Amino acid sequence: MQENEIVFLDSGVGGISTLAEAQKLLPSENFIYYADAANAPYGDKELPIVCELTKKAADFLLGYKPKALVIACNTATAAAVADLRALYSLPIVGLEPALKPALKQEGKLLILGTALTVQADKLHNLLNRYAENRQVIILSGSGLVELIEEDLYSPKVERYLKNLLDPLAKEAAGLILGCTHYVFLRPILQRLYPSLPLFDGNEGAARRLRDLLAERNLLGGGSGQLEFFSSFTDPFFKEQFAAKCERFYRYCFPLADQAQKAESADK
């Protein structure tokens, strides 16, 4: 790696959805996507374990002296971003549920996150700060990340979503996708619940990354180069995971088109 690269960190493929959003906004940057796949998933682990894993991965990556780090995972952000910002001086961007834009909708909101994300203080502090007088239902998507990584379009994924959301979706004013993996569910969710607005934090994270780089005069200097790698050491698993990353990366472009169309329709 070179010093002009921006590193994205997640436990699996979810943060690729964040990476793709950043690439649209920052085409003259070089990107590295690193997944701590050997320890995935993070979402159902205890907070101290996720904090330790995230800090260990970040410490390894920052040894290469990238110009910015994006914690492209709501769970890892909730567990460790404050500690990482205290330890390191480079720009560090985390992910959090897109509550503020969702609050522009009138009515009951749903937040879907991993077990750790929905239990962590970070989410509840966010709710106390911005949504004190609003009805917000918090839903745990325990096990959903594993289903997405196994086969995004498996019937198991749709059954999971219907069991969880059918009782609530008709009366909801919006669904906040509080995990970067869940952004890949947009096409399925839009088909199942076409009138339910969806929100995620990827665009906000990309804008924050751009702003931090601009503040430090670090914008540009790259050619759009992208590399995927993981914490797997076995060559077979490394190759298999790299192929999975490429597959999910290709999913992002239809997702981007759909999000842009939805934004235009709302204007």
Protein backbone atom coordinates (compact mmCIF):
# COMPACT_ATOMS: atom_id res chain seq x y z
CA MET A 1 0.00 0.00 0.00
CA GLN A 2 1.00 3.62 -0.55
CA GLU A 3 0.44 6.62 1.70
CA ASN A 4 -2.18 8.17 -0.60
CA GLU A 5 -4.71 5.37 -0.03
CA ILE A 6 -7.94 5.43 1.95
CA VAL A 7 -8.54 2.25 3.93
CA PHE A 8 -12.01 0.80 4.55
CA LEU A 9 -12.40 -1.68 7.40
CA ASP A 10 -15.27 -4.10 8.02
CA SER A 11 -15.65 -7.67 9.25
CA GLY A 12 -17.18 -8.81 5.94
CA VAL A 13 -18.55 -7.46 2.68
CA GLY A 14 -21.06 -4.95 4.09
CA GLY A 15 -18.73 -1.98 3.97
CA ILE A 16 -18.33 -2.43 0.23
CA SER A 17 -21.63 -0.53 -0.03
CA THR A 18 -19.95 2.38 1.80
CA LEU A 19 -16.83 2.10 -0.35
CA ALA A 20 -18.88 2.38 -3.55
CA GLU A 21 -20.57 5.55 -2.27
CA ALA A 22 -17.17 7.07 -1.46
CA GLN A 23 -15.83 6.17 -4.90
CA LYS A 24 -18.68 8.07 -6.56
CA LEU A 25 -17.85 11.17 -4.54
CA LEU A 26 -14.06 10.82 -4.64
CA PRO A 27 -13.03 9.35 -8.02
CA SER A 28 -9.45 10.68 -7.75
CA GLU A 29 -8.55 8.57 -4.72
CA ASN A 30 -7.02 5.13 -4.25
CA PHE A 31 -8.91 2.70 -2.01
CA ILE A 32 -8.12 -0.39 -0.01
CA TYR A 33 -10.93 -2.56 1.35
CA TYR A 34 -9.94 -4.82 4.24
CA ALA A 35 -12.28 -7.34 5.85
CA ASP A 36 -11.48 -9.05 9.12
CA ALA A 37 -13.25 -12.06 7.64
CA ALA A 38 -11.39 -14.59 9.77
CA ASN A 39 -13.22 -13.13 12.80
CA ALA A 40 -16.56 -12.34 11.16
CA PRO A 41 -19.29 -11.59 11.89
CA TYR A 42 -18.89 -8.86 14.51
CA GLY A 43 -22.58 -8.14 15.07
CA ASP A 44 -23.42 -10.94 17.51
CA LYS A 45 -20.20 -10.73 19.53
CA GLU A 46 -19.76 -8.96 22.87
CA LEU A 47 -18.77 -5.30 22.69
CA PRO A 48 -15.30 -5.67 24.35
CA ILE A 49 -14.40 -8.41 21.84
CA VAL A 50 -15.48 -6.30 18.87
CA CYS A 51 -13.57 -3.33 20.27
CA GLU A 52 -10.41 -5.43 20.59
CA LEU A 53 -10.78 -6.92 17.09
CA THR A 54 -11.43 -3.52 15.50
CA LYS A 55 -8.47 -1.89 17.22
CA LYS A 56 -6.20 -4.78 16.27
CA ALA A 57 -7.25 -4.57 12.62
CA ALA A 58 -6.93 -0.78 12.58
CA ASP A 59 -3.50 -0.92 14.18
CA PHE A 60 -2.36 -3.35 11.48
CA LEU A 61 -3.75 -1.18 8.67
CA LEU A 62 -2.42 2.10 10.01
CA GLY A 63 1.06 0.63 9.97
CA TYR A 64 0.89 1.22 6.20
CA LYS A 65 0.29 4.96 6.79
CA PRO A 66 -2.92 5.50 4.78
CA LYS A 67 -4.25 9.04 4.67
CA ALA A 68 -7.67 8.13 6.13
CA LEU A 69 -9.50 5.22 7.73
CA VAL A 70 -13.21 4.46 7.32
CA ILE A 71 -14.79 2.08 9.83
CA ALA A 72 -17.36 0.85 7.31
CA CYS A 73 -19.34 -1.05 9.91
CA ASN A 74 -21.95 0.26 12.34
CA THR A 75 -21.06 -2.41 14.91
CA ALA A 76 -17.32 -1.71 14.86
CA THR A 77 -18.00 2.03 14.96
CA ALA A 78 -20.20 1.67 18.04
CA ALA A 79 -17.55 -0.46 19.73
CA ALA A 80 -14.28 1.28 18.91
CA VAL A 81 -14.38 4.53 16.93
CA ALA A 82 -14.01 6.78 19.99
CA ASP A 83 -10.95 4.84 21.16
CA LEU A 84 -9.40 4.90 17.70
CA ARG A 85 -9.84 8.66 17.37
CA ALA A 86 -8.11 9.10 20.72
CA LEU A 87 -5.21 6.90 19.61
CA TYR A 88 -4.61 8.17 16.06
CA SER A 89 -4.43 11.60 14.45
CA LEU A 90 -5.43 10.72 10.89
CA PRO A 91 -9.03 11.27 9.70
CA ILE A 92 -11.27 8.44 10.93
CA VAL A 93 -14.85 8.15 9.70
CA GLY A 94 -17.39 5.85 11.31
CA LEU A 95 -20.86 4.67 10.37
CA GLU A 96 -24.00 5.36 12.34
CA PRO A 97 -27.71 4.81 11.57
CA ALA A 98 -29.12 7.56 9.34
CA LEU A 99 -31.52 8.84 11.99
CA LYS A 100 -31.40 12.55 11.19
CA PRO A 101 -32.56 12.31 7.55
CA ALA A 102 -35.19 9.73 8.53
CA LEU A 103 -36.65 12.11 11.11
CA LYS A 104 -37.85 14.33 8.26
CA GLN A 105 -40.55 11.69 7.74
CA GLU A 106 -43.65 12.09 9.89
CA GLY A 107 -44.61 8.98 11.80
CA LYS A 108 -43.15 5.88 13.38
CA LEU A 109 -39.63 4.87 12.37
CA LEU A 110 -37.95 1.47 12.38
CA ILE A 111 -34.23 0.90 12.93
CA LEU A 112 -32.78 -2.46 11.92
CA GLY A 113 -29.30 -3.21 13.24
CA THR A 114 -27.09 -6.03 14.46
CA ALA A 115 -27.56 -7.30 18.01
CA LEU A 116 -24.55 -5.31 19.24
CA THR A 117 -25.43 -2.10 17.39
CA VAL A 118 -28.96 -1.94 18.79
CA GLN A 119 -27.70 -2.55 22.33
CA ALA A 120 -24.76 -0.14 22.25
CA ASP A 121 -24.77 3.25 23.96
CA LYS A 122 -23.92 5.00 20.69
CA LEU A 123 -27.34 4.31 19.15
CA HIS A 124 -29.25 5.17 22.31
CA ASN A 125 -27.31 8.40 22.74
CA LEU A 126 -28.20 9.27 19.14
CA LEU A 127 -31.86 8.60 19.82
CA ASN A 128 -31.84 10.65 23.03
CA ARG A 129 -30.22 13.55 21.23
CA TYR A 130 -32.36 13.72 18.10
CA ALA A 131 -35.50 11.61 18.52
CA GLU A 132 -36.63 12.20 22.09
CA ASN A 133 -40.27 12.83 21.14
CA ARG A 134 -40.55 10.37 18.25
CA GLN A 135 -41.67 6.77 18.23
CA VAL A 136 -38.74 4.66 17.07
CA ILE A 137 -38.86 0.86 17.12
CA ILE A 138 -35.47 -0.83 17.32
CA LEU A 139 -35.16 -4.23 15.64
CA SER A 140 -32.31 -6.70 15.97
CA GLY A 141 -31.23 -8.44 12.78
CA SER A 142 -29.35 -11.20 14.57
CA GLY A 143 -28.17 -13.76 12.02
CA LEU A 144 -29.09 -11.64 9.00
CA VAL A 145 -25.50 -10.72 8.12
CA GLU A 146 -24.61 -14.40 7.83
CA LEU A 147 -27.57 -14.99 5.49
CA ILE A 148 -26.55 -12.06 3.28
CA GLU A 149 -22.95 -13.22 3.02
CA GLU A 150 -24.01 -16.80 2.33
CA ASP A 151 -26.45 -15.94 -0.47
CA LEU A 152 -28.04 -12.51 -0.77
CA TYR A 153 -30.88 -13.76 -2.97
CA SER A 154 -31.65 -16.95 -1.07
CA PRO A 155 -35.35 -17.42 -0.15
CA LYS A 156 -34.13 -17.54 3.46
CA VAL A 157 -33.32 -13.83 3.31
CA GLU A 158 -36.79 -12.86 2.11
CA ARG A 159 -38.47 -15.10 4.70
CA TYR A 160 -36.35 -13.51 7.43
CA LEU A 161 -37.33 -9.99 6.35
CA LYS A 162 -41.02 -10.80 6.04
CA ASN A 163 -41.16 -12.44 9.47
CA LEU A 164 -39.48 -9.42 11.02
CA LEU A 165 -41.06 -6.56 9.10
CA ASP A 166 -44.53 -7.64 7.93
CA PRO A 167 -46.17 -6.78 11.29
CA LEU A 168 -44.63 -3.28 11.29
CA ALA A 169 -43.93 -2.05 7.76
CA LYS A 170 -47.44 -0.87 6.82
CA GLU A 171 -47.58 1.59 9.72
CA ALA A 172 -43.97 2.76 9.48
CA ALA A 173 -42.84 6.06 7.98
CA GLY A 174 -39.35 4.80 7.27
CA LEU A 175 -36.84 2.00 7.81
CA ILE A 176 -33.28 2.87 8.83
CA LEU A 177 -30.74 0.26 7.70
CA GLY A 178 -28.33 0.29 10.64
CA CYS A 179 -25.77 -2.11 9.17
CA THR A 180 -23.79 -1.68 5.97
CA HIS A 181 -24.63 -5.26 5.00
CA TYR A 182 -28.33 -4.38 5.04
CA VAL A 183 -27.85 -1.81 2.26
CA PHE A 184 -27.57 -4.75 -0.13
CA LEU A 185 -31.16 -5.63 0.81
CA ARG A 186 -32.56 -2.48 -0.79
CA PRO A 187 -33.87 -4.20 -3.97
CA ILE A 188 -35.59 -6.91 -1.93
CA LEU A 189 -37.05 -4.44 0.57
CA GLN A 190 -38.28 -2.13 -2.18
CA ARG A 191 -40.05 -5.04 -3.81
CA LEU A 192 -41.62 -6.26 -0.56
CA TYR A 193 -42.50 -2.80 0.81
CA PRO A 194 -42.58 -0.37 -2.13
CA SER A 195 -44.07 2.51 -0.12
CA LEU A 196 -41.59 2.25 2.78
CA PRO A 197 -38.75 4.82 2.59
CA LEU A 198 -35.31 3.38 3.29
CA PHE A 199 -32.37 5.21 4.86
CA ASP A 200 -28.71 4.30 5.34
CA GLY A 201 -25.59 6.14 6.46
CA ASN A 202 -23.35 5.55 3.45
CA GLU A 203 -23.83 8.87 1.68
CA GLY A 204 -23.32 10.80 4.91
CA ALA A 205 -20.13 8.87 5.65
CA ALA A 206 -18.79 9.56 2.16
CA ARG A 207 -19.47 13.29 2.53
CA ARG A 208 -17.80 13.32 5.94
CA LEU A 209 -14.75 11.59 4.48
CA ARG A 210 -14.54 14.18 1.69
CA ASP A 211 -14.87 17.06 4.15
CA LEU A 212 -12.17 15.73 6.49
CA LEU A 213 -9.76 15.21 3.60
CA ALA A 214 -10.47 18.72 2.31
CA GLU A 215 -9.86 20.24 5.76
CA ARG A 216 -6.39 18.65 5.83
CA ASN A 217 -5.60 19.33 2.18
CA LEU A 218 -5.47 15.61 1.45
CA LEU A 219 -7.91 15.37 -1.45
CA GLY A 220 -6.86 13.68 -4.68
CA GLY A 221 -3.55 12.24 -5.72
CA GLY A 222 -4.93 8.87 -6.76
CA SER A 223 -6.21 7.18 -9.88
CA GLY A 224 -9.26 5.28 -8.63
CA GLN A 225 -7.23 2.18 -7.82
CA LEU A 226 -9.03 -0.41 -5.66
CA GLU A 227 -7.73 -3.49 -3.85
CA PHE A 228 -9.59 -6.04 -1.71
CA PHE A 229 -7.91 -8.13 0.95
CA SER A 230 -8.82 -9.88 4.20
CA SER A 231 -7.48 -11.39 7.41
CA PHE A 232 -7.66 -14.91 5.99
CA THR A 233 -4.24 -16.54 5.75
CA ASP A 234 -5.19 -19.74 3.92
CA PRO A 235 -4.80 -19.11 0.15
CA PHE A 236 -8.06 -20.89 -0.68
CA PHE A 237 -10.13 -18.77 1.71
CA LYS A 238 -8.32 -15.60 0.65
CA GLU A 239 -9.18 -16.27 -3.00
CA GLN A 240 -12.77 -17.22 -2.22
CA PHE A 241 -13.33 -14.10 -0.17
CA ALA A 242 -11.76 -11.83 -2.79
CA ALA A 243 -14.21 -13.28 -5.33
CA LYS A 244 -17.09 -12.60 -2.95
CA CYS A 245 -15.94 -9.00 -2.57
CA GLU A 246 -15.92 -8.55 -6.34
CA ARG A 247 -19.43 -9.98 -6.56
CA PHE A 248 -20.85 -7.69 -3.89
CA TYR A 249 -18.98 -4.76 -5.40
CA ARG A 250 -20.85 -5.35 -8.67
CA TYR A 251 -24.14 -5.32 -6.73
CA CYS A 252 -23.46 -1.74 -5.65
CA PHE A 253 -23.98 -0.13 -9.03
CA PRO A 254 -27.65 -1.14 -9.46
CA LEU A 255 -28.11 -0.09 -5.83
CA ALA A 256 -26.67 3.33 -6.59
CA ASP A 257 -28.96 3.73 -9.60
CA GLN A 258 -32.02 2.80 -7.56
CA ALA A 259 -31.11 5.17 -4.74
CA GLN A 260 -30.64 8.02 -7.23
CA LYS A 261 -34.03 7.31 -8.83
CA ALA A 262 -35.72 7.22 -5.42
CA GLU A 263 -34.08 10.55 -4.48
CA SER A 264 -35.29 12.15 -7.74
CA ALA A 265 -38.82 10.86 -7.16
CA ASP A 266 -38.90 12.42 -3.68
CA LYS A 267 -38.02 15.89 -5.02
